[in-house]
């Protein structure tokens, strides 16, 4: 017979002292006595089978003080953290680790976190500060079932303790962390299955589909799909959670120009909505919720337990991989100008990919190798003239491409990166004037940072009208373009604020160039102006009504999500006030 879970009070006493416990327990109108809250946590721990845990920064073993008190440095554990600080496969296993580590910290306070120097994790100067819990949730449940989520929602409603939801920690806007919150960590919901005749509940149509838990790693899903001779459309990183925030916010892929966004591929979602009900949402039942989950973003509409996604047959791909070292001072601006001039034709031919500085990686599932080489000739000539590297090859599958190229080119983790993005409409690329204006803006922005271009919009995909809730701007855009900035581990509050302001000012140049367009919810400017219009366009009013239906008490909230409570909410105390 299984032993009953240990009292959470005992666990708590063994891990943190009572003064710290008092400091992290939020006080609220519902629960006025600290002892009452202790008892509530203890009861919750029993309900979830003893899986309630206190959280701490994974860098803590390197610091001699923690939360203002002495902390014993563990040299062996610290060395392991330092060695893997920028390794996504290491970070993804740490509850206290986020891919963008500024969201582990309370940015609104001078020093409230445990950051190492991402440029040199062994830099001892980073350790000369007090390590703090920062913006990491105080407690978390490693979710195993819908019942765990329901228990947490009931606990939050009863006590007033706020909730946050974390999957893999790929989060550019701080939505999966939260000071003083109880977190639902869905990383362990990582099942993967295939059904060639999957029929959504209550529907008659069948699909070849792969069903995943939110914590299934993208690379694992690709490998699984390849093993059954199928292809799934997903993200450009090993450790993205395939069935979590990636698809909820839209989900672009370099296969999206032909096969659509992730929200176009999902056919069913099983979710615990904020009112505590475990629901199945698809085109045939809870269709309003299904609409909201296909682009509404974040945890605003509930906690996903499982989702099913249409597949494609295994694809033969043409891969174009070009890179060079700029020699003349104008080379990079000239290269981006060439990309502007060629990208409309490339989109029309089915190319999708990334352009980062003097590097292009694109794929095409529609052309043969001869046609692919002809299509890329202008870019090849430019690169060859600068003694660069050119590869245009045929690969037998998406997985073969991913394993060969993406794992080396995927976005870095560990640095404190911030993004601002814009969807650039086809009209900009269709006239000489528009192309010239865009090239001029990029040339100006190059003085700040190299734009990161994702040719991952659903340019050729014929989407069902009104089926998804992402901004309609996705459907008529050629590029999703981003500009980045980076904090340092020891950046001051004024430096952080200035960097956010400078980043937004540069993104504004793209906004001014594309009135009426939008941005990507998952990768937008932290302080995106008029975010409701940018992320959802004319879908926002409908989304807000659905939010109120399934979350009448506003139990789940996240930064710039549908129906959020705004910057004055204590949930956002660690965001810098602009």
Protein backbone atom coordinates (compact mmCIF):
# COMPACT_ATOMS: atom_id res chain seq x y z
CA UNK A 1 0.00 0.00 0.00
CA UNK A 2 1.34 3.42 -0.99
CA UNK A 3 2.29 5.63 1.93
CA UNK A 4 0.25 8.82 2.26
CA UNK A 5 1.95 12.03 1.06
CA UNK A 6 4.04 13.81 3.62
CA UNK A 7 2.49 16.90 5.14
CA UNK A 8 3.42 19.91 3.08
CA UNK A 9 4.08 21.74 6.35
CA UNK A 10 6.85 19.21 7.04
CA UNK A 11 8.24 19.59 3.52
CA UNK A 12 8.08 23.35 3.83
CA UNK A 13 9.85 23.35 7.16
CA UNK A 14 12.60 21.20 5.68
CA UNK A 15 13.23 23.51 2.74
CA UNK A 16 12.72 27.11 3.87
CA UNK A 17 12.59 28.87 7.18
CA UNK A 18 9.37 30.27 8.59
CA UNK A 19 10.21 33.93 7.94
CA UNK A 20 10.76 33.17 4.28
CA UNK A 21 7.52 31.20 4.16
CA UNK A 22 5.68 34.19 5.57
CA UNK A 23 7.29 36.48 2.99
CA UNK A 24 6.22 34.40 0.01
CA UNK A 25 2.64 33.73 1.11
CA UNK A 26 0.48 36.44 -0.48
CA UNK A 27 -2.15 37.93 1.79
CA UNK A 28 -5.62 38.46 0.44
CA UNK A 29 -9.19 39.17 1.47
CA UNK A 30 -10.23 35.52 1.26
CA UNK A 31 -7.57 34.07 3.55
CA UNK A 32 -6.51 36.38 6.33
CA UNK A 33 -4.56 34.05 8.58
CA UNK A 34 -1.19 32.68 7.55
CA UNK A 35 -1.98 29.43 9.34
CA UNK A 36 -5.12 29.06 7.24
CA UNK A 37 -3.00 29.35 4.11
CA UNK A 38 -0.49 26.82 5.42
CA UNK A 39 -3.37 24.42 5.98
CA UNK A 40 -4.79 25.08 2.53
CA UNK A 41 -1.43 24.32 0.91
CA UNK A 42 -1.15 21.17 3.00
CA UNK A 43 -4.58 20.01 1.83
CA UNK A 44 -3.67 20.80 -1.78
CA UNK A 45 -0.50 18.76 -1.47
CA UNK A 46 -2.53 15.75 -0.34
CA UNK A 47 -4.98 16.23 -3.20
CA UNK A 48 -2.20 16.23 -5.82
CA UNK A 49 -0.46 13.21 -4.38
CA UNK A 50 2.41 14.99 -2.63
CA UNK A 51 3.61 16.76 -5.80
CA UNK A 52 3.39 20.31 -4.48
CA UNK A 53 6.90 21.73 -4.37
CA UNK A 54 8.67 24.88 -3.23
CA UNK A 55 10.53 26.56 -6.06
CA UNK A 56 14.00 28.05 -6.18
CA UNK A 57 16.39 29.34 -8.85
CA UNK A 58 18.41 26.55 -10.43
CA UNK A 59 21.51 28.78 -10.13
CA UNK A 60 21.20 28.88 -6.34
CA UNK A 61 24.11 26.42 -5.68
CA UNK A 62 26.53 29.07 -7.00
CA UNK A 63 25.58 31.84 -4.56
CA UNK A 64 26.71 32.40 -0.97
CA UNK A 65 23.54 34.23 0.03
CA UNK A 66 19.91 33.52 -0.83
CA UNK A 67 17.02 35.82 0.03
CA UNK A 68 19.34 37.77 2.32
CA UNK A 69 20.49 34.75 4.30
CA UNK A 70 23.70 32.66 4.13
CA UNK A 71 23.61 29.89 1.54
CA UNK A 72 26.12 27.06 1.31
CA UNK A 73 27.80 27.07 -2.11
CA UNK A 74 27.85 23.64 -3.76
CA UNK A 75 30.89 23.69 -6.10
CA UNK A 76 29.94 20.48 -7.92
CA UNK A 77 26.34 21.50 -8.51
CA UNK A 78 27.42 25.02 -9.45
CA UNK A 79 29.90 23.70 -12.03
CA UNK A 80 27.12 21.67 -13.61
CA UNK A 81 24.89 24.76 -13.82
CA UNK A 82 27.70 26.85 -15.31
CA UNK A 83 28.58 24.20 -17.89
CA UNK A 84 24.98 23.92 -19.10
CA UNK A 85 23.76 27.48 -18.52
CA UNK A 86 23.01 28.09 -22.22
CA UNK A 87 22.01 24.51 -23.05
CA UNK A 88 18.27 24.32 -23.81
CA UNK A 89 18.08 20.60 -23.07
CA UNK A 90 19.39 21.33 -19.54
CA UNK A 91 17.29 24.42 -18.85
CA UNK A 92 14.08 22.74 -19.95
CA UNK A 93 14.39 20.23 -17.10
CA UNK A 94 14.66 22.92 -14.39
CA UNK A 95 11.44 24.38 -13.03
CA UNK A 96 13.35 27.53 -12.02
CA UNK A 97 15.00 27.82 -15.44
CA UNK A 98 13.53 29.89 -18.27
CA UNK A 99 14.88 30.10 -21.80
CA UNK A 100 15.05 33.89 -21.43
CA UNK A 101 16.39 34.22 -17.89
CA UNK A 102 15.37 37.83 -17.26
CA UNK A 103 11.92 36.35 -16.57
CA UNK A 104 13.42 34.48 -13.62
CA UNK A 105 14.16 37.86 -12.06
CA UNK A 106 12.11 40.72 -10.71
CA UNK A 107 13.18 43.26 -13.35
CA UNK A 108 11.53 46.13 -11.50
CA UNK A 109 13.95 45.66 -8.60
CA UNK A 110 17.67 46.40 -8.75
CA UNK A 111 18.84 42.91 -7.83
CA UNK A 112 16.25 40.19 -7.38
CA UNK A 113 17.27 37.03 -9.15
CA UNK A 114 20.21 34.68 -9.57
CA UNK A 115 21.55 35.40 -13.04
CA UNK A 116 24.94 34.21 -14.20
CA UNK A 117 26.84 35.96 -16.97
CA UNK A 118 25.51 34.28 -20.13
CA UNK A 119 28.66 35.35 -22.00
CA UNK A 120 30.81 33.58 -19.39
CA UNK A 121 28.82 31.59 -16.83
CA UNK A 122 31.99 31.13 -14.74
CA UNK A 123 32.39 34.89 -14.25
CA UNK A 124 32.67 35.26 -10.46
CA UNK A 125 31.52 38.88 -10.58
CA UNK A 126 27.98 37.65 -11.22
CA UNK A 127 28.06 35.81 -7.90
CA UNK A 128 28.82 38.91 -5.83
CA UNK A 129 25.14 39.60 -5.18
CA UNK A 130 22.29 38.24 -3.13
CA UNK A 131 20.49 35.47 -4.98
CA UNK A 132 16.70 35.88 -4.85
CA UNK A 133 13.60 34.01 -5.94
CA UNK A 134 12.79 36.93 -8.21
CA UNK A 135 9.81 36.36 -10.50
CA UNK A 136 9.89 32.57 -10.16
CA UNK A 137 6.62 31.25 -8.70
CA UNK A 138 6.83 30.40 -5.00
CA UNK A 139 5.34 26.94 -5.41
CA UNK A 140 4.54 24.58 -8.25
CA UNK A 141 2.71 21.37 -9.07
CA UNK A 142 4.20 19.07 -11.68
CA UNK A 143 0.90 18.34 -13.39
CA UNK A 144 0.02 14.73 -14.14
CA UNK A 145 -3.67 15.01 -14.94
CA UNK A 146 -6.63 17.32 -15.43
CA UNK A 147 -7.53 16.69 -11.77
CA UNK A 148 -4.33 18.44 -10.67
CA UNK A 149 -5.34 21.53 -12.61
CA UNK A 150 -8.85 21.43 -11.20
CA UNK A 151 -7.45 21.19 -7.67
CA UNK A 152 -5.20 24.19 -8.25
CA UNK A 153 -8.05 26.27 -9.67
CA UNK A 154 -10.24 25.41 -6.68
CA UNK A 155 -7.38 26.30 -4.34
CA UNK A 156 -6.88 29.64 -6.08
CA UNK A 157 -10.57 30.46 -5.93
CA UNK A 158 -10.69 29.59 -2.23
CA UNK A 159 -7.51 31.33 -1.07
CA UNK A 160 -6.91 34.13 -3.58
CA UNK A 161 -3.43 32.81 -4.42
CA UNK A 162 -2.75 33.61 -8.08
CA UNK A 163 -1.84 30.96 -10.63
CA UNK A 164 0.70 30.84 -13.43
CA UNK A 165 1.25 28.15 -16.06
CA UNK A 166 4.63 26.98 -17.31
CA UNK A 167 5.43 24.38 -19.93
CA UNK A 168 8.98 24.54 -21.36
CA UNK A 169 9.76 28.16 -20.53
CA UNK A 170 10.06 29.45 -24.12
CA UNK A 171 8.51 32.78 -23.25
CA UNK A 172 9.55 36.22 -24.52
CA UNK A 173 6.98 38.14 -22.47
CA UNK A 174 7.06 36.75 -18.94
CA UNK A 175 3.72 34.97 -19.09
CA UNK A 176 4.86 31.68 -17.60
CA UNK A 177 6.48 33.06 -14.46
CA UNK A 178 4.99 35.18 -11.69
CA UNK A 179 6.09 36.36 -8.29
CA UNK A 180 4.03 34.91 -5.41
CA UNK A 181 2.08 32.57 -7.70
CA UNK A 182 1.37 28.86 -7.61
CA UNK A 183 2.54 27.43 -10.92
CA UNK A 184 1.14 24.57 -12.92
CA UNK A 185 4.12 22.92 -14.63
CA UNK A 186 2.78 20.87 -17.55
CA UNK A 187 6.14 19.60 -18.82
CA UNK A 188 5.40 16.03 -17.70
CA UNK A 189 2.32 15.73 -19.91
CA UNK A 190 4.43 14.50 -22.82
CA UNK A 191 2.51 11.64 -24.42
CA UNK A 192 2.58 11.22 -28.22
CA UNK A 193 0.30 8.98 -30.29
CA UNK A 194 -0.80 8.62 -33.91
CA UNK A 195 -4.17 7.78 -35.41
CA UNK A 196 -4.56 7.70 -39.18
CA UNK A 197 -8.35 7.99 -38.78
CA UNK A 198 -8.66 10.35 -35.85
CA UNK A 199 -12.22 11.60 -35.38
CA UNK A 200 -12.72 14.59 -33.07
CA UNK A 201 -15.37 13.90 -30.43
CA UNK A 202 -18.87 14.51 -31.78
CA UNK A 203 -17.65 15.02 -35.36
CA UNK A 204 -17.90 12.84 -38.46
CA UNK A 205 -14.77 14.01 -40.29
CA UNK A 206 -11.58 12.04 -39.76
CA UNK A 207 -7.96 13.18 -39.99
CA UNK A 208 -4.56 11.64 -39.97
CA UNK A 209 -3.47 13.19 -36.68
CA UNK A 210 -0.89 13.08 -33.95
CA UNK A 211 -2.12 13.64 -30.39
CA UNK A 212 0.27 15.10 -27.84
CA UNK A 213 0.44 16.35 -24.30
CA UNK A 214 1.59 19.96 -23.98
CA UNK A 215 5.00 18.86 -22.68
CA UNK A 216 5.94 16.75 -25.69
CA UNK A 217 9.19 18.19 -27.03
CA UNK A 218 9.04 19.39 -30.62
CA UNK A 219 12.07 17.37 -31.66
CA UNK A 220 10.53 14.23 -30.15
CA UNK A 221 7.27 14.82 -32.00
CA UNK A 222 9.17 15.26 -35.28
CA UNK A 223 11.00 11.99 -34.71
CA UNK A 224 7.78 10.18 -33.80
CA UNK A 225 5.99 11.51 -36.90
CA UNK A 226 8.91 10.52 -39.10
CA UNK A 227 8.71 7.02 -37.64
CA UNK A 228 5.15 6.63 -38.96
CA UNK A 229 6.04 8.28 -42.29
CA UNK A 230 4.25 11.52 -41.51
CA UNK A 231 5.18 15.18 -41.11
CA UNK A 232 3.89 17.61 -38.51
CA UNK A 233 4.11 21.38 -38.76
CA UNK A 234 5.90 22.87 -35.77
CA UNK A 235 8.51 25.22 -34.38
CA UNK A 236 12.18 25.87 -35.06
CA UNK A 237 13.66 24.63 -31.79
CA UNK A 238 14.32 21.32 -30.06
CA UNK A 239 12.75 22.15 -26.74
CA UNK A 240 9.53 23.98 -27.61
CA UNK A 241 6.51 22.24 -26.09
CA UNK A 242 4.61 21.13 -29.18
CA UNK A 243 1.16 21.21 -27.60
CA UNK A 244 1.38 24.25 -25.35
CA UNK A 245 1.78 28.00 -25.76
CA UNK A 246 3.37 27.55 -29.18
CA UNK A 247 0.12 26.63 -30.91
CA UNK A 248 -2.12 28.61 -28.55
CA UNK A 249 -0.47 31.85 -29.70
CA UNK A 250 -0.49 30.98 -33.41
CA UNK A 251 2.63 28.93 -34.03
CA UNK A 252 4.63 29.81 -37.15
CA UNK A 253 6.81 27.31 -38.97
CA UNK A 254 9.05 27.49 -42.00
CA UNK A 255 6.54 25.05 -43.53
CA UNK A 256 3.68 27.49 -42.80
CA UNK A 257 3.76 29.16 -46.24
CA UNK A 258 2.34 25.95 -47.72
CA UNK A 259 0.79 24.13 -44.75
CA UNK A 260 -0.45 26.89 -42.47
CA UNK A 261 0.14 27.96 -38.89
CA UNK A 262 -0.08 25.57 -35.95
CA UNK A 263 -3.57 26.93 -35.22
CA UNK A 264 -4.61 25.86 -38.72
CA UNK A 265 -3.46 22.30 -38.00
CA UNK A 266 -5.05 21.60 -34.61
CA UNK A 267 -8.33 19.68 -34.77
CA UNK A 268 -9.11 19.10 -31.10
CA UNK A 269 -8.03 20.38 -27.69
CA UNK A 270 -8.74 18.93 -24.26
CA UNK A 271 -8.47 21.68 -21.68
CA UNK A 272 -9.40 22.58 -18.13
CA UNK A 273 -11.07 25.97 -18.39
CA UNK A 274 -10.74 28.53 -15.57
CA UNK A 275 -14.19 27.64 -14.24
CA UNK A 276 -12.75 24.23 -13.35
CA UNK A 277 -14.44 22.13 -16.04
CA UNK A 278 -12.48 19.63 -18.15
CA UNK A 279 -13.72 20.23 -21.67
CA UNK A 280 -13.15 18.91 -25.17
CA UNK A 281 -13.10 21.66 -27.78
CA UNK A 282 -13.32 21.13 -31.52
CA UNK A 283 -15.37 22.27 -34.48
CA UNK A 284 -18.36 20.23 -33.29
CA UNK A 285 -18.51 20.99 -29.55
CA UNK A 286 -17.45 24.00 -27.53
CA UNK A 287 -16.62 25.56 -30.89
CA UNK A 288 -16.36 29.05 -29.43
CA UNK A 289 -13.70 27.83 -27.02
CA UNK A 290 -11.96 26.02 -29.87
CA UNK A 291 -11.84 29.31 -31.79
CA UNK A 292 -10.28 31.02 -28.76
CA UNK A 293 -7.69 28.29 -28.26
CA UNK A 294 -6.62 28.64 -31.90
CA UNK A 295 -4.70 31.87 -31.39
CA UNK A 296 -6.13 33.48 -28.26
CA UNK A 297 -2.81 32.77 -26.59
CA UNK A 298 -1.25 32.03 -23.24
CA UNK A 299 -3.22 30.51 -20.37
CA UNK A 300 -6.13 32.95 -20.67
CA UNK A 301 -8.62 30.28 -21.70
CA UNK A 302 -7.39 27.38 -19.62
CA UNK A 303 -4.71 24.76 -19.16
CA UNK A 304 -4.28 22.38 -22.09
CA UNK A 305 -4.05 18.70 -21.24
CA UNK A 306 -3.96 17.25 -24.75
CA UNK A 307 -4.24 18.40 -28.36
CA UNK A 308 -4.54 16.67 -31.74
CA UNK A 309 -2.92 17.98 -34.92
CA UNK A 310 -3.35 17.13 -38.60
CA UNK A 311 -0.31 15.63 -40.29
CA UNK A 312 1.04 15.60 -43.83
CA UNK A 313 2.74 12.72 -45.64
CA UNK A 314 6.49 12.55 -45.28
CA UNK A 315 7.87 15.40 -47.38
CA UNK A 316 10.80 15.63 -49.75
CA UNK A 317 12.32 19.07 -49.23
CA UNK A 318 14.70 21.34 -51.07
CA UNK A 319 16.95 23.09 -48.57
CA UNK A 320 18.78 26.30 -49.41
CA UNK A 321 21.53 27.19 -46.93
CA UNK A 322 23.54 30.30 -47.79
CA UNK A 323 26.01 32.28 -45.71
CA UNK A 324 28.85 34.73 -46.16
CA UNK A 325 31.12 37.02 -44.20
CA UNK A 326 30.43 40.71 -44.95
CA UNK A 327 33.48 42.39 -46.44
CA UNK A 328 32.36 45.86 -47.50
CA UNK A 329 30.53 48.13 -45.06
CA UNK A 330 27.43 48.03 -47.25
CA UNK A 331 27.31 44.26 -47.72
CA UNK A 332 24.75 43.53 -45.01
CA UNK A 333 22.37 46.31 -46.06
CA UNK A 334 22.71 45.21 -49.70
CA UNK A 335 22.00 41.61 -48.69
CA UNK A 336 18.83 42.57 -46.83
CA UNK A 337 17.77 44.69 -49.80
CA UNK A 338 18.17 41.66 -52.05
CA UNK A 339 16.06 39.63 -49.60
CA UNK A 340 13.34 42.30 -49.81
CA UNK A 341 13.41 42.17 -53.60
CA UNK A 342 13.29 38.36 -53.86
CA UNK A 343 10.99 37.34 -51.01
CA UNK A 344 7.61 37.90 -52.65
CA UNK A 345 8.53 35.56 -55.49
CA UNK A 346 9.96 33.07 -53.03
CA UNK A 347 6.76 33.12 -50.98
CA UNK A 348 4.69 32.53 -54.12
CA UNK A 349 6.88 29.52 -54.93
CA UNK A 350 6.43 27.97 -51.47
CA UNK A 351 9.74 28.85 -49.80
CA UNK A 352 9.81 29.32 -46.05
CA UNK A 353 12.72 29.92 -43.73
CA UNK A 354 14.83 32.27 -41.67
CA UNK A 355 17.18 35.11 -42.60
CA UNK A 356 19.54 36.23 -39.84
CA UNK A 357 22.30 38.64 -40.77
CA UNK A 358 24.40 37.15 -43.59
CA UNK A 359 22.71 33.74 -43.35
CA UNK A 360 19.68 32.28 -45.12
CA UNK A 361 18.12 28.89 -44.38
CA UNK A 362 15.00 28.13 -46.43
CA UNK A 363 13.07 25.01 -47.39
CA UNK A 364 10.61 24.27 -50.16
CA UNK A 365 8.26 21.27 -50.39
CA UNK A 366 6.92 22.18 -53.86
CA UNK A 367 9.95 22.59 -56.16
CA UNK A 368 12.43 20.05 -57.47
CA UNK A 369 16.15 20.63 -57.05
CA UNK A 370 16.66 22.19 -60.47
CA UNK A 371 13.83 24.65 -59.95
CA UNK A 372 15.05 25.41 -56.43
CA UNK A 373 18.51 26.34 -57.71
CA UNK A 374 17.01 28.56 -60.40
CA UNK A 375 14.75 30.27 -57.85
CA UNK A 376 17.68 31.05 -55.54
CA UNK A 377 20.12 32.16 -58.25
CA UNK A 378 20.23 35.87 -57.35
CA UNK A 379 21.03 35.07 -53.72
CA UNK A 380 23.58 32.45 -54.76
CA UNK A 381 25.35 34.95 -57.01
CA UNK A 382 25.50 37.49 -54.19
CA UNK A 383 26.97 34.97 -51.75
CA UNK A 384 29.45 33.52 -54.26
CA UNK A 385 30.70 37.02 -55.09
CA UNK A 386 31.76 37.28 -51.44
CA UNK A 387 33.33 33.81 -51.28
CA UNK A 388 30.51 32.52 -49.12
CA UNK A 389 29.02 29.06 -48.70
CA UNK A 390 26.17 27.75 -50.86
CA UNK A 391 24.26 24.51 -50.37
CA UNK A 392 21.03 23.76 -52.24
CA UNK A 393 20.20 20.14 -51.65
CA UNK A 394 17.30 17.72 -51.59
CA UNK A 395 16.53 16.06 -48.27
CA UNK A 396 14.24 13.04 -47.76
CA UNK A 397 12.21 14.38 -44.85
CA UNK A 398 11.53 17.26 -42.49
CA UNK A 399 13.32 15.39 -39.69
CA UNK A 400 16.44 15.03 -41.85
CA UNK A 401 16.44 18.79 -42.42
CA UNK A 402 15.74 19.57 -38.76
CA UNK A 403 18.51 17.37 -37.42
CA UNK A 404 21.06 18.62 -39.95
CA UNK A 405 20.40 22.36 -39.77
CA UNK A 406 17.95 23.55 -37.12
CA UNK A 407 19.69 22.27 -34.01
CA UNK A 408 22.70 24.41 -34.97
CA UNK A 409 20.70 27.47 -36.02
CA UNK A 410 17.90 27.59 -33.43
CA UNK A 411 17.44 30.61 -31.17
CA UNK A 412 19.91 30.92 -28.31
CA UNK A 413 18.83 30.39 -24.71
CA UNK A 414 20.52 31.82 -21.64
CA UNK A 415 21.08 35.41 -22.85
CA UNK A 416 18.58 38.00 -21.62
CA UNK A 417 17.05 38.68 -25.04
CA UNK A 418 14.03 40.88 -25.76
CA UNK A 419 12.11 40.94 -29.03
CA UNK A 420 9.81 43.24 -30.92
CA UNK A 421 8.06 41.99 -34.05
CA UNK A 422 5.86 42.99 -36.94
CA UNK A 423 4.00 41.19 -39.72
CA UNK A 424 4.92 42.83 -43.01
CA UNK A 425 2.14 42.69 -45.63
CA UNK A 426 2.53 41.53 -49.20
CA UNK A 427 1.72 45.02 -50.48
CA UNK A 428 5.11 46.25 -49.26
CA UNK A 429 6.87 43.71 -51.46
CA UNK A 430 4.74 44.22 -54.55
CA UNK A 431 5.87 47.71 -55.52
CA UNK A 432 9.26 49.28 -56.08
CA UNK A 433 8.29 52.06 -53.68
CA UNK A 434 7.32 49.65 -50.91
CA UNK A 435 10.48 47.61 -51.34
CA UNK A 436 12.62 50.73 -51.25
CA UNK A 437 10.92 51.96 -48.09
CA UNK A 438 11.37 48.61 -46.35
CA UNK A 439 15.02 48.39 -47.38
CA UNK A 440 15.63 51.88 -46.04
CA UNK A 441 14.06 51.01 -42.66
CA UNK A 442 16.12 47.84 -42.38
CA UNK A 443 19.29 49.81 -43.19
CA UNK A 444 18.47 52.21 -40.35
CA UNK A 445 17.69 49.40 -37.91
CA UNK A 446 20.95 47.62 -38.74
CA UNK A 447 22.71 50.25 -36.66
CA UNK A 448 20.81 48.85 -33.64
CA UNK A 449 20.71 45.13 -34.45
CA UNK A 450 20.35 42.75 -37.39
CA UNK A 451 16.70 41.98 -38.11
CA UNK A 452 15.63 38.37 -37.70
CA UNK A 453 13.31 37.49 -40.57
CA UNK A 454 10.94 34.54 -40.46
CA UNK A 455 9.44 33.64 -43.82
CA UNK A 456 6.84 31.62 -41.96
CA UNK A 457 3.51 33.21 -42.75
CA UNK A 458 0.67 31.09 -44.26
CA UNK A 459 1.08 32.81 -47.62
CA UNK A 460 -0.19 30.02 -49.88
CA UNK A 461 -2.33 28.19 -47.32
CA UNK A 462 -6.08 28.39 -47.87
CA UNK A 463 -7.39 28.87 -44.35
CA UNK A 464 -11.01 28.37 -43.36
CA UNK A 465 -12.49 31.82 -42.92
CA UNK A 466 -13.10 32.76 -39.29
CA UNK A 467 -11.81 29.47 -37.87
CA UNK A 468 -8.86 30.88 -35.93
CA UNK A 469 -8.46 33.87 -33.65
CA UNK A 470 -4.98 35.11 -34.65
CA UNK A 471 -4.82 38.50 -36.29
CA UNK A 472 -5.97 38.28 -39.93
CA UNK A 473 -2.74 40.12 -40.78
CA UNK A 474 -1.00 36.73 -40.80
CA UNK A 475 -2.90 35.75 -43.94
CA UNK A 476 -1.56 38.51 -46.15
CA UNK A 477 1.98 38.89 -44.89
CA UNK A 478 5.25 37.74 -46.43
CA UNK A 479 7.52 38.24 -43.41
CA UNK A 480 7.36 38.09 -39.67
CA UNK A 481 10.29 40.35 -38.81
CA UNK A 482 11.84 40.87 -35.40
CA UNK A 483 14.40 43.15 -33.81
CA UNK A 484 16.20 42.15 -30.66
CA UNK A 485 17.96 43.74 -27.72
CA UNK A 486 19.84 42.18 -24.82
CA UNK A 487 20.28 42.91 -21.14
CA UNK A 488 23.36 41.88 -19.23
CA UNK A 489 23.22 39.98 -15.96
CA UNK A 490 24.04 43.20 -14.08
CA UNK A 491 21.97 45.71 -16.07
CA UNK A 492 20.44 48.40 -13.86
CA UNK A 493 16.76 49.30 -13.84
CA UNK A 494 17.38 52.50 -15.88
CA UNK A 495 19.44 50.49 -18.40
CA UNK A 496 16.70 47.88 -18.73
CA UNK A 497 14.04 50.56 -19.19
CA UNK A 498 16.11 52.38 -21.79
CA UNK A 499 16.70 49.17 -23.73
CA UNK A 500 13.00 48.37 -23.80
CA UNK A 501 12.27 51.89 -25.01
CA UNK A 502 14.94 51.76 -27.71
CA UNK A 503 13.72 48.38 -28.91
CA UNK A 504 10.11 49.57 -29.14
CA UNK A 505 11.21 52.72 -30.95
CA UNK A 506 12.94 50.66 -33.63
CA UNK A 507 9.95 48.32 -33.99
CA UNK A 508 7.82 51.44 -34.40
CA UNK A 509 9.55 52.02 -37.74
CA UNK A 510 8.00 48.76 -38.96
CA UNK A 511 4.63 49.68 -37.46
CA UNK A 512 4.68 53.01 -39.29
CA UNK A 513 5.51 51.19 -42.51
CA UNK A 514 2.62 48.71 -42.12
CA UNK A 515 -0.48 50.45 -40.68
CA UNK A 516 -3.31 48.02 -40.12
CA UNK A 517 -1.02 44.99 -39.83
CA UNK A 518 -0.14 43.23 -36.60
CA UNK A 519 2.37 41.24 -34.59
CA UNK A 520 2.91 37.72 -33.26
CA UNK A 521 1.50 37.20 -29.77
CA UNK A 522 4.29 34.81 -28.73
CA UNK A 523 7.14 37.04 -29.85
CA UNK A 524 5.82 40.58 -29.60
CA UNK A 525 7.24 43.66 -27.94
CA UNK A 526 6.81 43.28 -24.16
CA UNK A 527 5.23 46.73 -24.20
CA UNK A 528 3.38 46.34 -27.51
CA UNK A 529 1.12 49.39 -27.98
CA UNK A 530 -2.54 48.61 -28.72
CA UNK A 531 -1.73 44.94 -28.24
CA UNK A 532 -5.38 43.87 -28.65
CA UNK A 533 -5.34 45.07 -32.26
CA UNK A 534 -1.77 43.96 -32.96
CA UNK A 535 -2.29 40.37 -31.85
CA UNK A 536 -5.94 39.70 -32.71
CA UNK A 537 -7.26 42.48 -34.96
CA UNK A 538 -11.03 42.36 -35.30
CA UNK A 539 -11.19 39.05 -33.40
CA UNK A 540 -10.57 40.68 -30.02
CA UNK A 541 -14.17 41.54 -29.09
CA UNK A 542 -15.27 37.95 -29.73
CA UNK A 543 -12.31 36.61 -27.74
CA UNK A 544 -13.11 38.86 -24.79
CA UNK A 545 -16.70 37.60 -24.69
CA UNK A 546 -15.45 33.99 -24.71
CA UNK A 547 -12.98 34.81 -21.95
CA UNK A 548 -15.79 36.15 -19.75
CA UNK A 549 -17.89 33.04 -20.46
CA UNK A 550 -15.27 30.52 -19.36
CA UNK A 551 -13.45 32.65 -16.79
CA UNK A 552 -16.16 34.80 -15.19
CA UNK A 553 -14.03 35.44 -12.10
CA UNK A 554 -10.85 36.34 -14.00
CA UNK A 555 -8.97 33.49 -12.36
CA UNK A 556 -6.31 33.07 -15.07
CA UNK A 557 -4.44 36.13 -16.24
CA UNK A 558 -1.20 36.81 -18.08
CA UNK A 559 0.66 39.82 -19.47
CA UNK A 560 -1.21 41.38 -22.43
CA UNK A 561 -3.40 38.30 -22.72
CA UNK A 562 -7.08 38.48 -23.59
CA UNK A 563 -8.95 40.21 -20.76
CA UNK A 564 -5.85 40.93 -18.68
CA UNK A 565 -6.21 43.16 -15.65
CA UNK A 566 -3.52 45.64 -16.68
CA UNK A 567 -0.14 46.83 -15.44
CA UNK A 568 -1.38 47.84 -11.98
CA UNK A 569 -2.27 44.23 -11.10
CA UNK A 570 0.14 42.89 -8.41
CA UNK A 571 0.68 39.88 -10.66
CA UNK A 572 2.90 42.15 -12.76
CA UNK A 573 4.87 43.72 -9.93
CA UNK A 574 8.13 42.55 -11.50
CA UNK A 575 7.53 44.21 -14.87
CA UNK A 576 9.25 47.57 -15.28
CA UNK A 577 6.77 50.43 -15.31
CA UNK A 578 7.24 52.38 -18.53
